[in-house]
PDB file of N, CA and C in Angstrom:
ATOM      1  N   UNK A   1       9.557 -94.896  -0.835  1.00  0.00           N
ATOM      2  CA  UNK A   1       8.576 -94.527   0.147  1.00  0.00           C
ATOM      3  C   UNK A   1       7.740 -93.366  -0.431  1.00  0.00           C
ATOM      4  N   UNK A   2       6.452 -93.405  -0.251  1.00  0.00           N
ATOM      5  CA  UNK A   2       5.585 -92.303  -0.637  1.00  0.00           C
ATOM      6  C   UNK A   2       5.043 -91.625   0.577  1.00  0.00           C
ATOM      7  N   UNK A   3       5.161 -90.308   0.542  1.00  0.00           N
ATOM      8  CA  UNK A   3       4.668 -89.526   1.678  1.00  0.00           C
ATOM      9  C   UNK A   3       4.358 -88.115   1.188  1.00  0.00           C
ATOM     10  N   UNK A   4       3.471 -87.449   1.916  1.00  0.00           N
ATOM     11  CA  UNK A   4       3.157 -86.102   1.650  1.00  0.00           C
ATOM     12  C   UNK A   4       4.191 -85.160   2.224  1.00  0.00           C
ATOM     13  N   UNK A   5       4.231 -83.921   1.758  1.00  0.00           N
ATOM     14  CA  UNK A   5       5.164 -82.959   2.308  1.00  0.00           C
ATOM     15  C   UNK A   5       4.558 -82.284   3.554  1.00  0.00           C
ATOM     16  N   UNK A   6       5.451 -81.759   4.355  1.00  0.00           N
ATOM     17  CA  UNK A   6       4.996 -80.980   5.516  1.00  0.00           C
ATOM     18  C   UNK A   6       5.935 -79.817   5.697  1.00  0.00           C
ATOM     19  N   UNK A   7       5.491 -78.786   6.450  1.00  0.00           N
ATOM     20  CA  UNK A   7       6.326 -77.633   6.693  1.00  0.00           C
ATOM     21  C   UNK A   7       6.460 -77.536   8.241  1.00  0.00           C
ATOM     22  N   UNK A   8       7.672 -77.256   8.696  1.00  0.00           N
ATOM     23  CA  UNK A   8       7.924 -77.021  10.091  1.00  0.00           C
ATOM     24  C   UNK A   8       8.682 -75.684  10.227  1.00  0.00           C
ATOM     25  N   UNK A   9       8.151 -74.791  11.061  1.00  0.00           N
ATOM     26  CA  UNK A   9       8.847 -73.546  11.329  1.00  0.00           C
ATOM     27  C   UNK A   9       9.793 -73.747  12.515  1.00  0.00           C
ATOM     28  N   UNK A  10      11.001 -73.305  12.388  1.00  0.00           N
ATOM     29  CA  UNK A  10      11.952 -73.456  13.462  1.00  0.00           C
ATOM     30  C   UNK A  10      12.701 -72.162  13.744  1.00  0.00           C
ATOM     31  N   UNK A  11      13.220 -72.065  14.960  1.00  0.00           N
ATOM     32  CA  UNK A  11      14.004 -70.875  15.325  1.00  0.00           C
ATOM     33  C   UNK A  11      15.481 -71.084  15.017  1.00  0.00           C
ATOM     34  N   UNK A  12      15.940 -72.276  15.230  1.00  0.00           N
ATOM     35  CA  UNK A  12      17.387 -72.615  15.069  1.00  0.00           C
ATOM     36  C   UNK A  12      17.557 -73.637  13.924  1.00  0.00           C
ATOM     37  N   UNK A  13      17.809 -73.127  12.725  1.00  0.00           N
ATOM     38  CA  UNK A  13      17.911 -74.020  11.520  1.00  0.00           C
ATOM     39  C   UNK A  13      19.032 -75.008  11.696  1.00  0.00           C
ATOM     40  N   UNK A  14      20.132 -74.618  12.225  1.00  0.00           N
ATOM     41  CA  UNK A  14      21.265 -75.587  12.359  1.00  0.00           C
ATOM     42  C   UNK A  14      20.969 -76.737  13.328  1.00  0.00           C
ATOM     43  N   UNK A  15      20.306 -76.404  14.448  1.00  0.00           N
ATOM     44  CA  UNK A  15      19.880 -77.471  15.394  1.00  0.00           C
ATOM     45  C   UNK A  15      18.865 -78.363  14.750  1.00  0.00           C
ATOM     46  N   UNK A  16      17.970 -77.785  14.037  1.00  0.00           N
ATOM     47  CA  UNK A  16      16.888 -78.633  13.400  1.00  0.00           C
ATOM     48  C   UNK A  16      17.495 -79.531  12.313  1.00  0.00           C
ATOM     49  N   UNK A  17      18.434 -79.046  11.512  1.00  0.00           N
ATOM     50  CA  UNK A  17      19.048 -79.886  10.544  1.00  0.00           C
ATOM     51  C   UNK A  17      19.869 -80.980  11.179  1.00  0.00           C
ATOM     52  N   UNK A  18      20.541 -80.692  12.278  1.00  0.00           N
ATOM     53  CA  UNK A  18      21.269 -81.758  13.006  1.00  0.00           C
ATOM     54  C   UNK A  18      20.333 -82.870  13.363  1.00  0.00           C
ATOM     55  N   UNK A  19      19.146 -82.533  13.862  1.00  0.00           N
ATOM     56  CA  UNK A  19      18.113 -83.535  14.276  1.00  0.00           C
ATOM     57  C   UNK A  19      17.639 -84.273  13.074  1.00  0.00           C
ATOM     58  N   UNK A  20      17.143 -83.596  12.061  1.00  0.00           N
ATOM     59  CA  UNK A  20      16.522 -84.303  10.913  1.00  0.00           C
ATOM     60  C   UNK A  20      17.561 -85.040  10.043  1.00  0.00           C
ATOM     61  N   UNK A  21      18.767 -84.493   9.890  1.00  0.00           N
ATOM     62  CA  UNK A  21      19.739 -85.129   9.013  1.00  0.00           C
ATOM     63  C   UNK A  21      20.602 -86.115   9.768  1.00  0.00           C
ATOM     64  N   UNK A  22      21.215 -85.686  10.912  1.00  0.00           N
ATOM     65  CA  UNK A  22      22.124 -86.575  11.667  1.00  0.00           C
ATOM     66  C   UNK A  22      21.393 -87.628  12.419  1.00  0.00           C
ATOM     67  N   UNK A  23      20.300 -87.334  13.043  1.00  0.00           N
ATOM     68  CA  UNK A  23      19.620 -88.347  13.912  1.00  0.00           C
ATOM     69  C   UNK A  23      18.562 -89.158  13.135  1.00  0.00           C
ATOM     70  N   UNK A  24      17.778 -88.470  12.284  1.00  0.00           N
ATOM     71  CA  UNK A  24      16.776 -89.182  11.534  1.00  0.00           C
ATOM     72  C   UNK A  24      17.231 -89.719  10.184  1.00  0.00           C
ATOM     73  N   UNK A  25      18.308 -89.229   9.669  1.00  0.00           N
ATOM     74  CA  UNK A  25      18.908 -89.717   8.439  1.00  0.00           C
ATOM     75  C   UNK A  25      18.388 -89.073   7.161  1.00  0.00           C
ATOM     76  N   UNK A  26      17.655 -87.972   7.279  1.00  0.00           N
ATOM     77  CA  UNK A  26      17.165 -87.335   6.030  1.00  0.00           C
ATOM     78  C   UNK A  26      18.300 -86.594   5.315  1.00  0.00           C
ATOM     79  N   UNK A  27      18.103 -86.293   4.030  1.00  0.00           N
ATOM     80  CA  UNK A  27      19.099 -85.682   3.285  1.00  0.00           C
ATOM     81  C   UNK A  27      18.575 -84.353   2.736  1.00  0.00           C
ATOM     82  N   UNK A  28      19.436 -83.281   2.759  1.00  0.00           N
ATOM     83  CA  UNK A  28      19.036 -82.018   2.204  1.00  0.00           C
ATOM     84  C   UNK A  28      19.060 -82.076   0.690  1.00  0.00           C
ATOM     85  N   UNK A  29      17.897 -81.679   0.050  1.00  0.00           N
ATOM     86  CA  UNK A  29      17.822 -81.735  -1.400  1.00  0.00           C
ATOM     87  C   UNK A  29      18.092 -80.349  -1.972  1.00  0.00           C
ATOM     88  N   UNK A  30      17.525 -79.268  -1.356  1.00  0.00           N
ATOM     89  CA  UNK A  30      17.784 -77.983  -1.822  1.00  0.00           C
ATOM     90  C   UNK A  30      17.515 -76.926  -0.770  1.00  0.00           C
ATOM     91  N   UNK A  31      17.936 -75.734  -1.018  1.00  0.00           N
ATOM     92  CA  UNK A  31      17.773 -74.661  -0.024  1.00  0.00           C
ATOM     93  C   UNK A  31      17.613 -73.342  -0.806  1.00  0.00           C
ATOM     94  N   UNK A  32      16.674 -72.504  -0.331  1.00  0.00           N
ATOM     95  CA  UNK A  32      16.523 -71.196  -0.925  1.00  0.00           C
ATOM     96  C   UNK A  32      16.217 -70.222   0.132  1.00  0.00           C
ATOM     97  N   UNK A  33      16.846 -69.022  -0.022  1.00  0.00           N
ATOM     98  CA  UNK A  33      16.692 -67.941   0.961  1.00  0.00           C
ATOM     99  C   UNK A  33      15.736 -66.880   0.380  1.00  0.00           C
ATOM    100  N   UNK A  34      14.915 -66.316   1.225  1.00  0.00           N
ATOM    101  CA  UNK A  34      14.008 -65.246   0.712  1.00  0.00           C
ATOM    102  C   UNK A  34      14.814 -64.014   0.479  1.00  0.00           C
ATOM    103  N   UNK A  35      14.432 -63.258  -0.540  1.00  0.00           N
ATOM    104  CA  UNK A  35      15.142 -62.017  -0.858  1.00  0.00           C
ATOM    105  C   UNK A  35      15.260 -61.045   0.343  1.00  0.00           C
ATOM    106  N   UNK A  36      14.224 -60.981   1.176  1.00  0.00           N
ATOM    107  CA  UNK A  36      14.283 -60.071   2.268  1.00  0.00           C
ATOM    108  C   UNK A  36      15.056 -60.653   3.477  1.00  0.00           C
ATOM    109  N   UNK A  37      15.437 -61.861   3.360  1.00  0.00           N
ATOM    110  CA  UNK A  37      16.176 -62.550   4.473  1.00  0.00           C
ATOM    111  C   UNK A  37      15.298 -62.944   5.627  1.00  0.00           C
ATOM    112  N   UNK A  38      13.991 -63.046   5.382  1.00  0.00           N
ATOM    113  CA  UNK A  38      13.052 -63.339   6.526  1.00  0.00           C
ATOM    114  C   UNK A  38      12.960 -64.842   6.806  1.00  0.00           C
ATOM    115  N   UNK A  39      13.270 -65.684   5.800  1.00  0.00           N
ATOM    116  CA  UNK A  39      13.135 -67.087   6.027  1.00  0.00           C
ATOM    117  C   UNK A  39      14.055 -67.876   4.996  1.00  0.00           C
ATOM    118  N   UNK A  40      14.238 -69.096   5.300  1.00  0.00           N
ATOM    119  CA  UNK A  40      15.000 -70.021   4.452  1.00  0.00           C
ATOM    120  C   UNK A  40      14.192 -71.318   4.296  1.00  0.00           C
ATOM    121  N   UNK A  41      14.008 -71.725   3.011  1.00  0.00           N
ATOM    122  CA  UNK A  41      13.341 -72.978   2.777  1.00  0.00           C
ATOM    123  C   UNK A  41      14.371 -74.059   2.561  1.00  0.00           C
ATOM    124  N   UNK A  42      14.233 -75.115   3.277  1.00  0.00           N
ATOM    125  CA  UNK A  42      15.162 -76.245   3.140  1.00  0.00           C
ATOM    126  C   UNK A  42      14.299 -77.487   2.871  1.00  0.00           C
ATOM    127  N   UNK A  43      14.605 -78.189   1.759  1.00  0.00           N
ATOM    128  CA  UNK A  43      13.849 -79.325   1.340  1.00  0.00           C
ATOM    129  C   UNK A  43      14.651 -80.608   1.705  1.00  0.00           C
ATOM    130  N   UNK A  44      14.075 -81.492   2.433  1.00  0.00           N
ATOM    131  CA  UNK A  44      14.706 -82.747   2.868  1.00  0.00           C
ATOM    132  C   UNK A  44      14.011 -83.935   2.245  1.00  0.00           C
ATOM    133  N   UNK A  45      14.716 -85.042   2.114  1.00  0.00           N
ATOM    134  CA  UNK A  45      14.069 -86.261   1.656  1.00  0.00           C
ATOM    135  C   UNK A  45      14.692 -87.472   2.386  1.00  0.00           C
ATOM    136  N   UNK A  46      14.011 -88.572   2.309  1.00  0.00           N
ATOM    137  CA  UNK A  46      14.562 -89.841   2.848  1.00  0.00           C
ATOM    138  C   UNK A  46      15.641 -90.351   1.918  1.00  0.00           C
ATOM    139  N   UNK A  47      16.659 -91.107   2.470  1.00  0.00           N
ATOM    140  CA  UNK A  47      17.671 -91.663   1.649  1.00  0.00           C
ATOM    141  C   UNK A  47      17.067 -92.510   0.533  1.00  0.00           C
ATOM    142  N   UNK A  48      17.580 -92.345  -0.670  1.00  0.00           N
ATOM    143  CA  UNK A  48      17.050 -93.074  -1.783  1.00  0.00           C
ATOM    144  C   UNK A  48      15.867 -92.472  -2.478  1.00  0.00           C
ATOM    145  N   UNK A  49      15.317 -91.389  -1.909  1.00  0.00           N
ATOM    146  CA  UNK A  49      14.188 -90.741  -2.520  1.00  0.00           C
ATOM    147  C   UNK A  49      14.532 -89.434  -3.174  1.00  0.00           C
ATOM    148  N   UNK A  50      15.746 -89.151  -3.371  1.00  0.00           N
ATOM    149  CA  UNK A  50      16.201 -87.856  -3.926  1.00  0.00           C
ATOM    150  C   UNK A  50      15.573 -87.655  -5.374  1.00  0.00           C
ATOM    151  N   UNK A  51      15.467 -88.620  -6.123  1.00  0.00           N
ATOM    152  CA  UNK A  51      14.888 -88.467  -7.472  1.00  0.00           C
ATOM    153  C   UNK A  51      13.408 -88.216  -7.440  1.00  0.00           C
ATOM    154  N   UNK A  52      12.695 -88.652  -6.404  1.00  0.00           N
ATOM    155  CA  UNK A  52      11.296 -88.483  -6.245  1.00  0.00           C
ATOM    156  C   UNK A  52      10.950 -87.086  -5.678  1.00  0.00           C
ATOM    157  N   UNK A  53      11.975 -86.456  -5.069  1.00  0.00           N
ATOM    158  CA  UNK A  53      11.738 -85.179  -4.356  1.00  0.00           C
ATOM    159  C   UNK A  53      11.664 -83.995  -5.299  1.00  0.00           C
ATOM    160  N   UNK A  54      11.978 -84.142  -6.557  1.00  0.00           N
ATOM    161  CA  UNK A  54      12.009 -83.020  -7.508  1.00  0.00           C
ATOM    162  C   UNK A  54      10.822 -83.012  -8.387  1.00  0.00           C
TER     163      UNK A  54
END
Protein backbone atom coordinates (compact mmCIF):
# COMPACT_ATOMS: atom_id res chain seq x y z
CA UNK A 1 0.00 0.00 0.00
CA UNK A 2 1.32 3.48 -0.78
CA UNK A 3 0.35 6.38 1.44
CA UNK A 4 1.75 9.66 2.69
CA UNK A 5 2.75 10.19 6.29
CA UNK A 6 0.77 12.19 8.78
CA UNK A 7 1.34 13.46 12.30
CA UNK A 8 -1.17 13.31 15.13
CA UNK A 9 -0.62 15.00 18.48
CA UNK A 10 -2.11 13.08 21.39
CA UNK A 11 -2.33 13.52 25.14
CA UNK A 12 -2.45 9.82 26.07
CA UNK A 13 0.10 7.85 24.04
CA UNK A 14 -0.90 4.48 25.50
CA UNK A 15 -4.58 4.96 24.65
CA UNK A 16 -3.69 6.15 21.15
CA UNK A 17 -1.43 3.15 20.52
CA UNK A 18 -4.19 0.80 21.72
CA UNK A 19 -6.49 2.38 19.12
CA UNK A 20 -4.04 2.43 16.21
CA UNK A 21 -2.33 -0.90 16.92
CA UNK A 22 -4.98 -3.08 18.59
CA UNK A 23 -8.08 -1.82 16.77
CA UNK A 24 -6.74 -0.63 13.40
CA UNK A 25 -3.95 -3.22 13.18
CA UNK A 26 -1.00 -0.89 12.60
CA UNK A 27 2.47 -1.92 13.80
CA UNK A 28 5.01 0.19 15.67
CA UNK A 29 8.18 0.58 13.58
CA UNK A 30 10.26 2.84 15.82
CA UNK A 31 10.09 5.23 18.74
CA UNK A 32 12.28 8.14 19.80
CA UNK A 33 12.07 10.40 22.84
CA UNK A 34 13.09 14.06 22.76
CA UNK A 35 16.10 14.89 24.95
CA UNK A 36 14.03 17.38 26.95
CA UNK A 37 11.25 14.84 27.46
CA UNK A 38 8.68 17.11 25.82
CA UNK A 39 7.48 14.62 23.19
CA UNK A 40 7.82 11.11 21.84
CA UNK A 41 7.80 10.23 18.15
CA UNK A 42 6.22 6.88 17.33
CA UNK A 43 6.27 5.62 13.75
CA UNK A 44 3.55 3.17 12.71
CA UNK A 45 2.98 1.22 9.50
CA UNK A 46 0.40 -1.09 8.01
CA UNK A 47 1.06 -4.84 8.30
CA UNK A 48 3.42 -5.95 5.54
CA UNK A 49 4.72 -2.42 4.94
CA UNK A 50 7.53 -2.49 7.50
CA UNK A 51 10.25 -2.58 4.82
CA UNK A 52 8.67 0.42 3.04
CA UNK A 53 8.53 2.49 6.24
CA UNK A 54 12.29 2.98 6.53
